[in-house]
Amino acid sequence: MALTDSSSLSTVIDQYLANSNWYGSASAAALRKEAIDWLLVKRPVSYEVAGRSQKLDYEMLRAEFERLNEFLQNNSTLRSPMFSRTVVGGRGRY
């Protein structure tokens, strides 16, 4: 789902939680990263799950965002061998 500026916090949290098993799935990782990005930009103070208020840990979210970013870069289906870089004789070649 594409989140927008007007997406509700509950929609974002649902997307975040629904994609908690993202490792091994680029699509789930992308959806979880999108939810984290929204949370980092909007920075809500808390949210409710099952009637209980929860606080967000922004340091943990930033760290997970970086892990997701790295996973997606390493598992991108968009990479083309035509643009890979090879080191030959100490000099980089594309």
Protein backbone atom coordinates (compact mmCIF):
# COMPACT_ATOMS: atom_id res chain seq x y z
CA MET A 1 0.00 0.00 0.00
CA ALA A 2 1.28 3.44 -0.80
CA LEU A 3 1.17 5.62 2.28
CA THR A 4 0.44 9.29 1.83
CA ASP A 5 0.71 12.41 3.92
CA SER A 6 -2.93 11.93 4.90
CA SER A 7 -2.64 8.24 5.86
CA SER A 8 -3.90 7.56 9.36
CA LEU A 9 -1.54 6.48 12.12
CA SER A 10 -3.47 3.21 12.52
CA THR A 11 -2.98 2.43 8.80
CA VAL A 12 0.75 3.06 9.13
CA ILE A 13 1.06 0.94 12.29
CA ASP A 14 -0.93 -1.86 10.61
CA GLN A 15 1.45 -1.80 7.63
CA TYR A 16 4.47 -1.75 9.93
CA LEU A 17 3.23 -4.72 11.99
CA ALA A 18 1.96 -6.72 9.00
CA ASN A 19 5.46 -6.72 7.50
CA SER A 20 7.45 -7.67 10.59
CA ASN A 21 8.77 -10.83 8.87
CA TRP A 22 10.40 -8.83 6.11
CA TYR A 23 13.76 -10.59 5.92
CA GLY A 24 13.85 -12.57 2.69
CA SER A 25 11.06 -10.56 1.08
CA ALA A 26 11.93 -7.36 -0.76
CA SER A 27 8.25 -6.40 -1.06
CA ALA A 28 7.62 -6.80 2.70
CA ALA A 29 10.87 -4.93 3.45
CA ALA A 30 9.82 -2.06 1.18
CA LEU A 31 6.41 -1.80 2.86
CA ARG A 32 7.93 -1.85 6.36
CA LYS A 33 10.53 0.75 5.33
CA GLU A 34 7.76 2.95 3.94
CA ALA A 35 5.88 2.75 7.26
CA ILE A 36 9.03 3.58 9.23
CA ASP A 37 9.78 6.51 6.93
CA TRP A 38 6.27 7.87 7.57
CA LEU A 39 6.72 7.47 11.33
CA LEU A 40 10.13 9.19 11.28
CA VAL A 41 8.73 12.13 9.32
CA LYS A 42 5.47 12.56 11.24
CA ARG A 43 6.95 11.61 14.65
CA PRO A 44 3.76 10.79 16.56
CA VAL A 45 4.30 10.68 20.31
CA SER A 46 2.41 7.43 20.87
CA TYR A 47 -0.12 5.05 19.37
CA GLU A 48 -2.65 2.52 20.65
CA VAL A 49 -2.59 -1.24 20.18
CA ALA A 50 -5.36 -3.33 21.75
CA GLY A 51 -6.39 -0.38 23.91
CA ARG A 52 -2.91 0.20 25.32
CA SER A 53 -0.84 3.28 24.60
CA GLN A 54 2.60 2.55 23.14
CA LYS A 55 5.52 4.96 22.77
CA LEU A 56 7.69 4.90 19.68
CA ASP A 57 11.44 4.36 19.95
CA TYR A 58 12.85 6.56 17.21
CA GLU A 59 16.43 5.34 17.62
CA MET A 60 15.26 1.76 17.09
CA LEU A 61 13.19 2.84 14.09
CA ARG A 62 16.19 4.64 12.54
CA ALA A 63 18.38 1.57 13.03
CA GLU A 64 15.76 -0.70 11.48
CA PHE A 65 15.30 1.77 8.60
CA GLU A 66 19.03 1.48 7.87
CA ARG A 67 18.91 -2.35 8.01
CA LEU A 68 15.94 -2.36 5.64
CA ASN A 69 17.70 0.05 3.31
CA GLU A 70 20.80 -2.15 3.23
CA PHE A 71 18.71 -5.29 2.66
CA LEU A 72 16.82 -3.66 -0.20
CA GLN A 73 20.02 -2.38 -1.83
CA ASN A 74 21.60 -5.83 -1.62
CA ASN A 75 18.50 -7.61 -2.89
CA SER A 76 17.30 -5.22 -5.54
CA THR A 77 16.01 -6.81 -8.73
CA LEU A 78 16.67 -3.51 -10.46
CA ARG A 79 20.45 -3.85 -10.46
CA SER A 80 21.89 -4.29 -13.88
CA PRO A 81 25.21 -6.06 -14.51
CA MET A 82 25.84 -3.44 -17.19
CA PHE A 83 26.54 -0.93 -14.40
CA SER A 84 28.51 -3.09 -11.99
CA ARG A 85 31.95 -1.95 -10.99
CA THR A 86 35.01 -4.17 -11.34
CA VAL A 87 38.47 -3.45 -10.03
CA VAL A 88 41.17 -4.36 -12.55
CA GLY A 89 44.82 -3.73 -11.77
CA GLY A 90 43.97 -1.36 -8.91
CA ARG A 91 41.70 0.78 -11.10
CA GLY A 92 37.93 0.71 -11.08
CA ARG A 93 36.12 -0.07 -14.33
CA TYR A 94 32.42 0.04 -15.08
